[in-house]
C-alpha cells in the first residue's frame, strides 16, 4: 500500500511541472505578435548558439519545445489542427513580441550565412491566428517593415504637406529677392 501511494506522490509533481510548462508556452503564444516554427536538425551547437544570440539581439524569444507541449498549449486555438503537420520532429519556436517580422528576419539572415545556415529549416509561421507556410515566412513575413521603418514613413508623410506649405509661404519673398537681384544686374549693365 505504501508503494502505491509513493508512486502517486511522485507522479503529481511531474504533472504539475508539465502543466506549468504548458501554461508557460500558452502564455508566450498569447502575448506574441508572430511565431516561427523551426527545424534545427543537423545544426552544430556553435550555430545554434549564434542563432540564439541573433534572436536575443532582435528581441525575439527562442526555445526548443516538445511538440506535445505546443499541441496541449494550443489545443483550444482555432488554428491548432493546422499545426499537426508542422509539429513533427525537432521543433524550435521563435516568438516575436514587438515586431511581427523580427524572428523571420533573423532566420532569413541566418539562412543566408552559407551551408550551415541552410540547415535551419522554416516549418511554418503563425501571425494573427493564421498559419503560414515556410516560404511565406521567408518571403512575406521577413520583408515586413519594422516599427522604426514604419515610423519614419509616417513622419515623412506627415512632414511633406508642411514642407510644401513652408515653401509656398517663402516663394513670394524668394521671388522678390530674385527680382531685386535681376534689377541690380540690369542697373550695373547700363
N, C-alpha and C. Protein backbone atom coordinates (compact mmCIF):
# COMPACT_ATOMS: atom_id res chain seq x y z
N UNK A 1 0.82 -1.20 0.00
CA UNK A 1 0.00 0.00 0.00
C UNK A 1 0.86 1.26 0.00
N UNK A 2 1.96 1.22 0.69
CA UNK A 2 2.82 2.39 0.73
C UNK A 2 3.51 2.62 -0.62
N UNK A 3 3.76 1.54 -1.40
CA UNK A 3 4.37 1.71 -2.72
C UNK A 3 3.42 2.45 -3.66
N UNK A 4 2.15 2.11 -3.61
CA UNK A 4 1.17 2.75 -4.49
C UNK A 4 1.04 4.23 -4.17
N UNK A 5 1.00 4.56 -2.90
CA UNK A 5 0.88 5.98 -2.55
C UNK A 5 2.16 6.73 -2.86
N UNK A 6 3.31 6.07 -2.78
CA UNK A 6 4.58 6.70 -3.12
C UNK A 6 4.65 7.00 -4.61
N UNK A 7 4.13 6.12 -5.43
CA UNK A 7 4.11 6.33 -6.88
C UNK A 7 3.19 7.49 -7.22
N UNK A 8 2.03 7.56 -6.59
CA UNK A 8 1.09 8.64 -6.84
C UNK A 8 1.69 9.97 -6.44
N UNK A 9 2.40 10.00 -5.33
CA UNK A 9 3.02 11.23 -4.86
C UNK A 9 4.12 11.68 -5.83
N UNK A 10 4.85 10.74 -6.42
CA UNK A 10 5.92 11.09 -7.36
C UNK A 10 5.34 11.59 -8.68
N UNK A 11 4.18 11.10 -9.08
CA UNK A 11 3.58 11.48 -10.35
C UNK A 11 3.00 12.88 -10.28
N UNK A 12 2.43 13.26 -9.15
CA UNK A 12 1.79 14.57 -9.02
C UNK A 12 2.74 15.73 -9.32
N UNK A 13 3.98 15.74 -8.79
CA UNK A 13 4.88 16.84 -9.13
C UNK A 13 5.21 16.87 -10.63
N UNK A 14 5.30 15.70 -11.26
CA UNK A 14 5.58 15.66 -12.70
C UNK A 14 4.42 16.27 -13.48
N UNK A 15 3.20 15.95 -13.09
CA UNK A 15 2.01 16.51 -13.76
C UNK A 15 1.96 18.01 -13.54
N UNK A 16 2.24 18.44 -12.31
CA UNK A 16 2.23 19.87 -12.02
C UNK A 16 3.29 20.60 -12.83
N UNK A 17 4.47 20.01 -12.95
CA UNK A 17 5.55 20.63 -13.73
C UNK A 17 5.17 20.71 -15.21
N UNK A 18 4.55 19.65 -15.72
CA UNK A 18 4.14 19.63 -17.12
C UNK A 18 3.04 20.67 -17.37
N UNK A 19 2.08 20.77 -16.45
CA UNK A 19 1.02 21.77 -16.57
C UNK A 19 1.58 23.19 -16.53
N UNK A 20 2.58 23.40 -15.68
CA UNK A 20 3.22 24.72 -15.61
C UNK A 20 3.94 25.05 -16.91
N UNK A 21 4.59 24.05 -17.50
CA UNK A 21 5.29 24.26 -18.77
C UNK A 21 4.30 24.54 -19.90
N UNK A 22 3.18 23.84 -19.90
CA UNK A 22 2.13 24.08 -20.90
C UNK A 22 1.58 25.49 -20.75
N UNK A 23 1.35 25.92 -19.52
CA UNK A 23 0.84 27.28 -19.26
C UNK A 23 1.86 28.33 -19.71
N UNK A 24 3.14 28.06 -19.50
CA UNK A 24 4.20 28.98 -19.91
C UNK A 24 4.23 29.12 -21.44
N UNK A 25 4.11 28.01 -22.14
CA UNK A 25 4.10 28.04 -23.61
C UNK A 25 2.85 28.75 -24.11
N UNK A 26 1.71 28.47 -23.50
CA UNK A 26 0.45 29.14 -23.88
C UNK A 26 0.56 30.65 -23.67
N UNK A 27 1.16 31.06 -22.57
CA UNK A 27 1.33 32.50 -22.30
C UNK A 27 2.19 33.17 -23.36
N UNK A 28 3.22 32.48 -23.83
CA UNK A 28 4.07 33.05 -24.90
C UNK A 28 3.26 33.24 -26.18
N UNK A 29 2.44 32.24 -26.51
CA UNK A 29 1.62 32.37 -27.71
C UNK A 29 0.55 33.44 -27.54
N UNK A 30 0.06 33.63 -26.33
CA UNK A 30 -0.97 34.65 -26.08
C UNK A 30 -0.43 36.07 -26.25
N UNK A 31 0.82 36.30 -25.86
CA UNK A 31 1.34 37.67 -25.92
C UNK A 31 2.18 37.96 -27.17
N UNK A 32 2.41 36.97 -28.03
CA UNK A 32 3.23 37.17 -29.21
C UNK A 32 2.46 37.90 -30.31
N UNK A 33 3.22 38.54 -31.20
CA UNK A 33 2.62 39.12 -32.41
C UNK A 33 2.80 38.15 -33.57
N UNK A 34 3.85 37.34 -33.51
CA UNK A 34 4.09 36.32 -34.52
C UNK A 34 5.02 35.26 -33.93
N UNK A 35 4.95 34.06 -34.52
CA UNK A 35 5.83 32.97 -34.11
C UNK A 35 6.32 32.25 -35.37
N UNK A 36 7.54 31.74 -35.29
CA UNK A 36 8.11 30.98 -36.38
C UNK A 36 8.53 29.61 -35.82
N UNK A 37 8.08 28.55 -36.48
CA UNK A 37 8.42 27.18 -36.09
C UNK A 37 9.60 26.73 -36.95
N UNK A 38 10.65 26.25 -36.29
CA UNK A 38 11.90 25.91 -36.98
C UNK A 38 12.31 24.47 -36.75
N UNK A 39 12.99 23.90 -37.74
CA UNK A 39 13.62 22.59 -37.62
C UNK A 39 15.12 22.85 -37.66
N UNK A 40 15.80 22.54 -36.59
CA UNK A 40 17.22 22.83 -36.45
C UNK A 40 18.09 21.59 -36.61
N UNK A 41 17.52 20.52 -37.14
CA UNK A 41 18.24 19.25 -37.29
C UNK A 41 19.49 19.44 -38.15
N UNK A 42 20.61 18.90 -37.68
CA UNK A 42 21.86 18.97 -38.42
C UNK A 42 22.73 20.17 -38.08
N UNK A 43 22.21 21.08 -37.27
CA UNK A 43 22.99 22.26 -36.90
C UNK A 43 23.91 21.92 -35.73
N UNK A 44 25.09 22.55 -35.72
CA UNK A 44 26.02 22.34 -34.62
C UNK A 44 25.62 23.23 -33.44
N UNK A 45 26.17 22.92 -32.30
CA UNK A 45 25.91 23.72 -31.10
C UNK A 45 26.36 25.16 -31.31
N UNK A 46 27.48 25.33 -32.00
CA UNK A 46 28.01 26.66 -32.27
C UNK A 46 27.01 27.49 -33.09
N UNK A 47 26.43 26.88 -34.11
CA UNK A 47 25.47 27.59 -34.96
C UNK A 47 24.18 27.91 -34.21
N UNK A 48 23.72 26.98 -33.40
CA UNK A 48 22.52 27.23 -32.60
C UNK A 48 22.77 28.35 -31.61
N UNK A 49 23.97 28.39 -31.04
CA UNK A 49 24.33 29.45 -30.09
C UNK A 49 24.34 30.80 -30.79
N UNK A 50 24.89 30.86 -32.01
CA UNK A 50 24.87 32.11 -32.78
C UNK A 50 23.45 32.53 -33.13
N UNK A 51 22.61 31.54 -33.47
CA UNK A 51 21.21 31.83 -33.79
C UNK A 51 20.50 32.40 -32.57
N UNK A 52 20.70 31.78 -31.43
CA UNK A 52 20.08 32.27 -30.18
C UNK A 52 20.53 33.70 -29.87
N UNK A 53 21.81 33.99 -30.07
CA UNK A 53 22.34 35.34 -29.83
C UNK A 53 21.68 36.35 -30.78
N UNK A 54 21.50 35.96 -32.04
CA UNK A 54 20.85 36.85 -33.01
C UNK A 54 19.40 37.10 -32.62
N UNK A 55 18.72 36.06 -32.15
CA UNK A 55 17.34 36.23 -31.68
C UNK A 55 17.27 37.19 -30.50
N UNK A 56 18.17 36.99 -29.52
CA UNK A 56 18.18 37.87 -28.33
C UNK A 56 18.40 39.32 -28.73
N UNK A 57 19.34 39.53 -29.65
CA UNK A 57 19.66 40.89 -30.10
C UNK A 57 18.45 41.55 -30.76
N UNK A 58 17.62 40.76 -31.43
CA UNK A 58 16.44 41.28 -32.11
C UNK A 58 15.21 41.33 -31.21
N UNK A 59 15.34 40.93 -29.95
CA UNK A 59 14.21 40.95 -29.03
C UNK A 59 13.24 39.81 -29.24
N UNK A 60 13.74 38.71 -29.77
CA UNK A 60 12.92 37.53 -30.06
C UNK A 60 13.27 36.45 -29.04
N UNK A 61 12.25 35.76 -28.57
CA UNK A 61 12.47 34.67 -27.62
C UNK A 61 12.45 33.36 -28.38
N UNK A 62 13.46 32.52 -28.17
CA UNK A 62 13.58 31.25 -28.88
C UNK A 62 13.69 30.13 -27.87
N UNK A 63 12.95 29.06 -28.13
CA UNK A 63 13.00 27.92 -27.23
C UNK A 63 12.71 26.65 -28.01
N UNK A 64 13.44 25.60 -27.68
CA UNK A 64 13.15 24.28 -28.21
C UNK A 64 12.05 23.71 -27.32
N UNK A 65 10.95 23.32 -27.96
CA UNK A 65 9.78 22.88 -27.21
C UNK A 65 9.33 21.53 -27.72
N UNK A 66 8.88 20.68 -26.80
CA UNK A 66 8.31 19.40 -27.21
C UNK A 66 7.02 19.65 -27.99
N UNK A 67 6.86 18.94 -29.08
CA UNK A 67 5.67 19.10 -29.91
C UNK A 67 4.37 18.86 -29.13
N UNK A 68 4.39 17.88 -28.24
CA UNK A 68 3.17 17.58 -27.47
C UNK A 68 2.81 18.74 -26.55
N UNK A 69 3.81 19.44 -26.02
CA UNK A 69 3.53 20.59 -25.15
C UNK A 69 2.88 21.72 -25.96
N UNK A 70 3.39 21.96 -27.17
CA UNK A 70 2.81 23.01 -28.01
C UNK A 70 1.37 22.62 -28.38
N UNK A 71 1.17 21.36 -28.72
CA UNK A 71 -0.19 20.90 -29.07
C UNK A 71 -1.14 21.08 -27.88
N UNK A 72 -0.67 20.75 -26.69
CA UNK A 72 -1.50 20.92 -25.49
C UNK A 72 -1.77 22.40 -25.22
N UNK A 73 -0.76 23.22 -25.39
CA UNK A 73 -0.90 24.66 -25.12
C UNK A 73 -1.87 25.31 -26.10
N UNK A 74 -1.92 24.82 -27.32
CA UNK A 74 -2.75 25.45 -28.36
C UNK A 74 -3.99 24.63 -28.72
N UNK A 75 -4.34 23.66 -27.89
CA UNK A 75 -5.45 22.76 -28.25
C UNK A 75 -6.78 23.49 -28.41
N UNK A 76 -6.98 24.62 -27.73
CA UNK A 76 -8.24 25.37 -27.83
C UNK A 76 -8.22 26.41 -28.94
N UNK A 77 -7.08 26.61 -29.57
CA UNK A 77 -6.97 27.62 -30.63
C UNK A 77 -7.64 27.12 -31.91
N UNK A 78 -8.20 28.04 -32.66
CA UNK A 78 -8.91 27.69 -33.90
C UNK A 78 -7.97 27.10 -34.95
N UNK A 79 -6.71 27.45 -34.89
CA UNK A 79 -5.74 27.01 -35.89
C UNK A 79 -4.96 25.77 -35.47
N UNK A 80 -5.26 25.19 -34.33
CA UNK A 80 -4.44 24.10 -33.79
C UNK A 80 -4.37 22.89 -34.72
N UNK A 81 -5.44 22.59 -35.43
CA UNK A 81 -5.42 21.43 -36.33
C UNK A 81 -4.48 21.66 -37.52
N UNK A 82 -4.25 22.92 -37.89
CA UNK A 82 -3.35 23.23 -39.00
C UNK A 82 -1.88 23.04 -38.61
N UNK A 83 -1.61 22.96 -37.31
CA UNK A 83 -0.23 22.79 -36.85
C UNK A 83 0.17 21.33 -36.69
N UNK A 84 -0.77 20.40 -36.85
CA UNK A 84 -0.44 18.98 -36.66
C UNK A 84 0.69 18.53 -37.57
N UNK A 85 0.68 18.95 -38.82
CA UNK A 85 1.74 18.54 -39.75
C UNK A 85 3.05 19.29 -39.48
N UNK A 86 2.97 20.43 -38.83
CA UNK A 86 4.16 21.23 -38.51
C UNK A 86 4.87 20.68 -37.28
N UNK A 87 4.11 20.24 -36.31
CA UNK A 87 4.68 19.80 -35.04
C UNK A 87 5.10 18.33 -35.09
N UNK A 88 6.10 18.09 -35.93
CA UNK A 88 6.67 16.75 -36.12
C UNK A 88 8.18 16.91 -36.12
N UNK A 89 8.88 16.00 -35.48
CA UNK A 89 10.34 16.08 -35.45
C UNK A 89 10.83 17.13 -34.48
N UNK A 90 12.04 17.61 -34.72
CA UNK A 90 12.65 18.61 -33.83
C UNK A 90 12.02 19.98 -34.12
N UNK A 91 11.57 20.64 -33.06
CA UNK A 91 10.90 21.93 -33.24
C UNK A 91 11.44 22.97 -32.27
N UNK A 92 11.82 24.09 -32.85
CA UNK A 92 12.18 25.26 -32.07
C UNK A 92 11.17 26.34 -32.42
N UNK A 93 10.78 27.14 -31.45
CA UNK A 93 9.80 28.19 -31.70
C UNK A 93 10.44 29.54 -31.35
N UNK A 94 10.31 30.48 -32.30
CA UNK A 94 10.81 31.84 -32.09
C UNK A 94 9.60 32.76 -32.01
N UNK A 95 9.42 33.39 -30.86
CA UNK A 95 8.28 34.29 -30.63
C UNK A 95 8.72 35.73 -30.77
N UNK A 96 8.01 36.49 -31.59
CA UNK A 96 8.24 37.94 -31.72
C UNK A 96 7.14 38.64 -30.94
N UNK A 97 7.52 39.54 -30.07
CA UNK A 97 6.53 40.23 -29.24
C UNK A 97 6.28 41.66 -29.70
N UNK A 98 7.27 42.31 -30.26
CA UNK A 98 7.14 43.71 -30.68
C UNK A 98 6.81 43.79 -32.17
N UNK A 99 7.76 43.37 -32.99
CA UNK A 99 7.60 43.45 -34.44
C UNK A 99 7.30 42.07 -34.98
N UNK A 100 6.22 41.90 -35.73
CA UNK A 100 5.85 40.58 -36.23
C UNK A 100 6.93 39.92 -37.08
N UNK A 101 7.68 40.68 -37.84
CA UNK A 101 8.67 40.11 -38.74
C UNK A 101 10.05 39.92 -38.14
N UNK A 102 10.23 40.23 -36.87
CA UNK A 102 11.57 40.19 -36.26
C UNK A 102 12.19 38.79 -36.33
N UNK A 103 11.47 37.77 -35.91
CA UNK A 103 12.02 36.41 -35.92
C UNK A 103 12.29 35.95 -37.34
N UNK A 104 11.37 36.24 -38.25
CA UNK A 104 11.54 35.83 -39.64
C UNK A 104 12.76 36.51 -40.27
N UNK A 105 13.00 37.76 -39.93
CA UNK A 105 14.16 38.48 -40.47
C UNK A 105 15.46 37.85 -39.97
N UNK A 106 15.50 37.48 -38.70
CA UNK A 106 16.70 36.84 -38.14
C UNK A 106 16.95 35.51 -38.84
N UNK A 107 15.89 34.73 -39.02
CA UNK A 107 16.03 33.42 -39.66
C UNK A 107 16.49 33.58 -41.10
N UNK A 108 15.89 34.51 -41.82
CA UNK A 108 16.26 34.72 -43.22
C UNK A 108 17.73 35.12 -43.33
N UNK A 109 18.18 36.03 -42.47
CA UNK A 109 19.58 36.46 -42.49
C UNK A 109 20.51 35.29 -42.12
N UNK A 110 20.09 34.49 -41.15
CA UNK A 110 20.90 33.36 -40.70
C UNK A 110 21.02 32.31 -41.81
N UNK A 111 19.95 32.08 -42.53
CA UNK A 111 19.94 31.08 -43.60
C UNK A 111 20.85 31.49 -44.76
N UNK A 112 21.12 32.78 -44.91
CA UNK A 112 21.99 33.27 -45.98
C UNK A 112 23.47 33.12 -45.64
N UNK A 113 23.78 32.69 -44.42
CA UNK A 113 25.17 32.61 -43.98
C UNK A 113 25.93 31.43 -44.56
N UNK A 114 25.37 30.73 -45.50
CA UNK A 114 26.09 29.63 -46.13
C UNK A 114 25.48 28.29 -45.84
N UNK A 115 26.25 27.22 -46.09
CA UNK A 115 25.69 25.87 -45.96
C UNK A 115 25.22 25.54 -44.55
N UNK A 116 25.90 26.09 -43.54
CA UNK A 116 25.47 25.81 -42.17
C UNK A 116 24.14 26.48 -41.87
N UNK A 117 23.93 27.67 -42.39
CA UNK A 117 22.66 28.37 -42.18
C UNK A 117 21.51 27.71 -42.91
N UNK A 118 21.82 27.07 -44.02
CA UNK A 118 20.78 26.40 -44.80
C UNK A 118 20.21 25.17 -44.10
N UNK A 119 20.92 24.67 -43.10
CA UNK A 119 20.42 23.52 -42.34
C UNK A 119 19.19 23.89 -41.51
N UNK A 120 19.07 25.17 -41.18
CA UNK A 120 17.91 25.65 -40.43
C UNK A 120 16.72 25.71 -41.39
N UNK A 121 15.69 24.97 -41.08
CA UNK A 121 14.51 24.90 -41.93
C UNK A 121 13.33 25.60 -41.25
N UNK A 122 12.59 26.36 -42.04
CA UNK A 122 11.39 27.01 -41.53
C UNK A 122 10.21 26.07 -41.77
N UNK A 123 9.58 25.63 -40.70
CA UNK A 123 8.43 24.74 -40.84
C UNK A 123 7.17 25.54 -41.18
N UNK A 124 6.93 26.60 -40.42
CA UNK A 124 5.73 27.41 -40.61
C UNK A 124 5.84 28.66 -39.76
N UNK A 125 4.85 29.52 -39.91
CA UNK A 125 4.76 30.73 -39.10
C UNK A 125 3.35 30.90 -38.61
N UNK A 126 3.20 31.71 -37.61
CA UNK A 126 1.88 31.97 -37.03
C UNK A 126 1.77 33.47 -36.79
N UNK A 127 0.77 34.08 -37.42
CA UNK A 127 0.55 35.51 -37.24
C UNK A 127 -0.94 35.77 -37.25
N UNK A 128 -1.39 36.49 -36.25
CA UNK A 128 -2.81 36.86 -36.10
C UNK A 128 -3.74 35.67 -36.28
N UNK A 129 -3.38 34.54 -35.68
CA UNK A 129 -4.24 33.36 -35.73
C UNK A 129 -4.22 32.61 -37.04
N UNK A 130 -3.34 32.99 -37.95
CA UNK A 130 -3.23 32.31 -39.24
C UNK A 130 -1.89 31.59 -39.33
N UNK A 131 -1.94 30.36 -39.80
CA UNK A 131 -0.73 29.58 -40.01
C UNK A 131 -0.28 29.80 -41.45
N UNK A 132 0.99 30.18 -41.62
CA UNK A 132 1.54 30.38 -42.97
C UNK A 132 2.71 29.42 -43.17
N UNK A 133 2.93 29.03 -44.40
CA UNK A 133 3.99 28.06 -44.68
C UNK A 133 5.37 28.72 -44.61
N UNK A 134 6.41 27.89 -44.65
CA UNK A 134 7.78 28.38 -44.51
C UNK A 134 8.19 29.37 -45.59
N UNK A 135 7.72 29.16 -46.81
CA UNK A 135 8.05 30.08 -47.90
C UNK A 135 7.46 31.45 -47.63
N UNK A 136 6.22 31.49 -47.18
CA UNK A 136 5.58 32.78 -46.87
C UNK A 136 6.28 33.47 -45.71
N UNK A 137 6.76 32.71 -44.75
CA UNK A 137 7.50 33.30 -43.63
C UNK A 137 8.74 34.02 -44.16
N UNK A 138 9.48 33.35 -45.04
CA UNK A 138 10.73 33.92 -45.53
C UNK A 138 10.50 35.04 -46.54
N UNK A 139 9.48 34.91 -47.39
CA UNK A 139 9.27 35.89 -48.46
C UNK A 139 8.36 37.05 -48.07
N UNK A 140 7.44 36.83 -47.16
CA UNK A 140 6.48 37.88 -46.80
C UNK A 140 6.72 38.43 -45.39
N UNK A 141 6.70 37.54 -44.41
CA UNK A 141 6.84 37.99 -43.03
C UNK A 141 8.20 38.63 -42.79
N UNK A 142 9.25 38.08 -43.39
CA UNK A 142 10.60 38.62 -43.20
C UNK A 142 10.81 39.96 -43.91
N UNK A 143 9.96 40.27 -44.87
CA UNK A 143 10.12 41.53 -45.60
C UNK A 143 9.20 42.63 -45.09
N UNK A 144 8.41 42.32 -44.07
CA UNK A 144 7.54 43.35 -43.49
C UNK A 144 8.39 44.44 -42.88
N UNK A 145 8.00 45.70 -43.08
CA UNK A 145 8.78 46.78 -42.46
C UNK A 145 8.65 46.73 -40.94
N UNK A 146 9.73 47.10 -40.26
CA UNK A 146 9.73 47.13 -38.81
C UNK A 146 9.08 48.41 -38.29
N UNK A 147 8.96 48.50 -36.98
CA UNK A 147 8.33 49.67 -36.36
C UNK A 147 9.06 50.96 -36.69
N UNK A 148 10.39 50.93 -36.62
CA UNK A 148 11.17 52.14 -36.90
C UNK A 148 10.99 52.60 -38.34
N UNK A 149 10.97 51.64 -39.27
CA UNK A 149 10.79 51.98 -40.68
C UNK A 149 9.38 52.56 -40.91
N UNK A 150 8.38 51.97 -40.27
CA UNK A 150 7.02 52.49 -40.40
C UNK A 150 6.88 53.88 -39.80
N UNK A 151 7.56 54.10 -38.67
CA UNK A 151 7.53 55.43 -38.05
C UNK A 151 8.17 56.47 -38.96
N UNK A 152 9.28 56.10 -39.58
CA UNK A 152 9.96 57.03 -40.49
C UNK A 152 9.07 57.37 -41.68
N UNK A 153 8.38 56.37 -42.23
CA UNK A 153 7.47 56.62 -43.35
C UNK A 153 6.31 57.51 -42.93
N UNK A 154 5.76 57.25 -41.75
CA UNK A 154 4.66 58.07 -41.25
C UNK A 154 5.11 59.51 -41.03
N UNK A 155 6.27 59.66 -40.44
CA UNK A 155 6.81 61.01 -40.20
C UNK A 155 7.03 61.75 -41.51
N UNK A 156 7.58 61.05 -42.51
CA UNK A 156 7.80 61.69 -43.82
C UNK A 156 6.46 62.07 -44.45
N UNK A 157 5.47 61.22 -44.30
CA UNK A 157 4.14 61.52 -44.85
C UNK A 157 3.52 62.72 -44.16
N UNK A 158 3.69 62.82 -42.85
CA UNK A 158 3.14 63.95 -42.10
C UNK A 158 3.90 65.24 -42.39
N UNK A 159 5.19 65.15 -42.63
CA UNK A 159 6.00 66.34 -42.85
C UNK A 159 5.86 66.90 -44.26
N UNK A 160 5.56 66.07 -45.24
CA UNK A 160 5.52 66.52 -46.64
C UNK A 160 4.58 67.71 -46.86
N UNK A 161 3.32 67.67 -46.39
CA UNK A 161 2.46 68.84 -46.60
C UNK A 161 2.98 70.09 -45.91
N UNK A 162 3.57 69.94 -44.74
CA UNK A 162 4.11 71.10 -44.03
C UNK A 162 5.29 71.70 -44.78
N UNK A 163 6.13 70.85 -45.34
CA UNK A 163 7.27 71.35 -46.10
C UNK A 163 6.79 72.10 -47.34
N UNK A 164 5.77 71.57 -48.00
CA UNK A 164 5.22 72.25 -49.18
C UNK A 164 4.60 73.59 -48.79
N UNK A 165 3.93 73.62 -47.64
CA UNK A 165 3.30 74.85 -47.16
C UNK A 165 4.35 75.92 -46.86
N UNK A 166 5.42 75.53 -46.20
CA UNK A 166 6.51 76.46 -45.90
C UNK A 166 7.15 76.96 -47.19
N UNK A 167 7.33 76.08 -48.17
CA UNK A 167 7.89 76.50 -49.46
C UNK A 167 6.98 77.51 -50.15
N UNK A 168 5.66 77.30 -50.07
CA UNK A 168 4.71 78.25 -50.67
C UNK A 168 4.76 79.60 -49.96
N UNK A 169 4.89 79.59 -48.65
CA UNK A 169 4.99 80.84 -47.89
C UNK A 169 6.27 81.60 -48.23
N UNK A 170 7.34 80.88 -48.46
CA UNK A 170 8.62 81.51 -48.76
C UNK A 170 8.74 81.95 -50.22
N UNK A 171 7.91 81.42 -51.10
CA UNK A 171 8.03 81.70 -52.53
C UNK A 171 7.94 83.19 -52.87
N UNK A 172 6.96 83.97 -52.35
CA UNK A 172 6.91 85.39 -52.71
C UNK A 172 8.16 86.15 -52.27
N UNK A 173 8.65 85.87 -51.09
CA UNK A 173 9.86 86.56 -50.61
C UNK A 173 11.06 86.17 -51.46
N UNK A 174 11.15 84.91 -51.81
CA UNK A 174 12.26 84.44 -52.62
C UNK A 174 12.19 85.04 -54.03
N UNK A 175 10.99 85.10 -54.59
CA UNK A 175 10.81 85.71 -55.91
C UNK A 175 11.17 87.19 -55.87
N UNK A 176 10.85 87.87 -54.79
CA UNK A 176 11.18 89.29 -54.64
C UNK A 176 12.70 89.48 -54.62
N UNK A 177 13.41 88.59 -53.93
CA UNK A 177 14.87 88.65 -53.88
C UNK A 177 15.44 88.43 -55.27
N UNK A 178 14.89 87.48 -56.03
CA UNK A 178 15.34 87.25 -57.41
C UNK A 178 15.11 88.50 -58.27
N UNK A 179 13.96 89.14 -58.08
CA UNK A 179 13.63 90.35 -58.83
C UNK A 179 14.64 91.45 -58.52
N UNK A 180 14.95 91.65 -57.23
CA UNK A 180 15.93 92.67 -56.84
C UNK A 180 17.31 92.36 -57.42
N UNK A 181 17.70 91.09 -57.41
CA UNK A 181 18.99 90.70 -57.96
C UNK A 181 19.03 90.97 -59.45
N UNK A 182 17.94 90.70 -60.15
CA UNK A 182 17.87 90.95 -61.59
C UNK A 182 17.95 92.44 -61.87
N UNK A 183 17.25 93.25 -61.09
CA UNK A 183 17.27 94.71 -61.25
C UNK A 183 18.68 95.24 -60.99
N UNK A 184 19.36 94.68 -60.00
CA UNK A 184 20.72 95.11 -59.68
C UNK A 184 21.66 94.80 -60.84
N UNK A 185 21.53 93.61 -61.40
CA UNK A 185 22.37 93.24 -62.55
C UNK A 185 22.06 94.14 -63.75
N UNK A 186 20.77 94.47 -63.93
CA UNK A 186 20.36 95.34 -65.03
C UNK A 186 20.94 96.75 -64.84
N UNK A 187 20.92 97.24 -63.60
CA UNK A 187 21.45 98.58 -63.31
C UNK A 187 22.95 98.62 -63.53
N UNK A 188 23.65 97.55 -63.19
CA UNK A 188 25.10 97.50 -63.39
C UNK A 188 25.45 97.41 -64.86
N UNK A 189 24.58 96.80 -65.65
CA UNK A 189 24.82 96.62 -67.07
C UNK A 189 24.62 97.90 -67.86
N UNK A 190 23.91 98.89 -67.37
CA UNK A 190 23.63 100.15 -68.10
C UNK A 190 24.81 101.00 -68.11
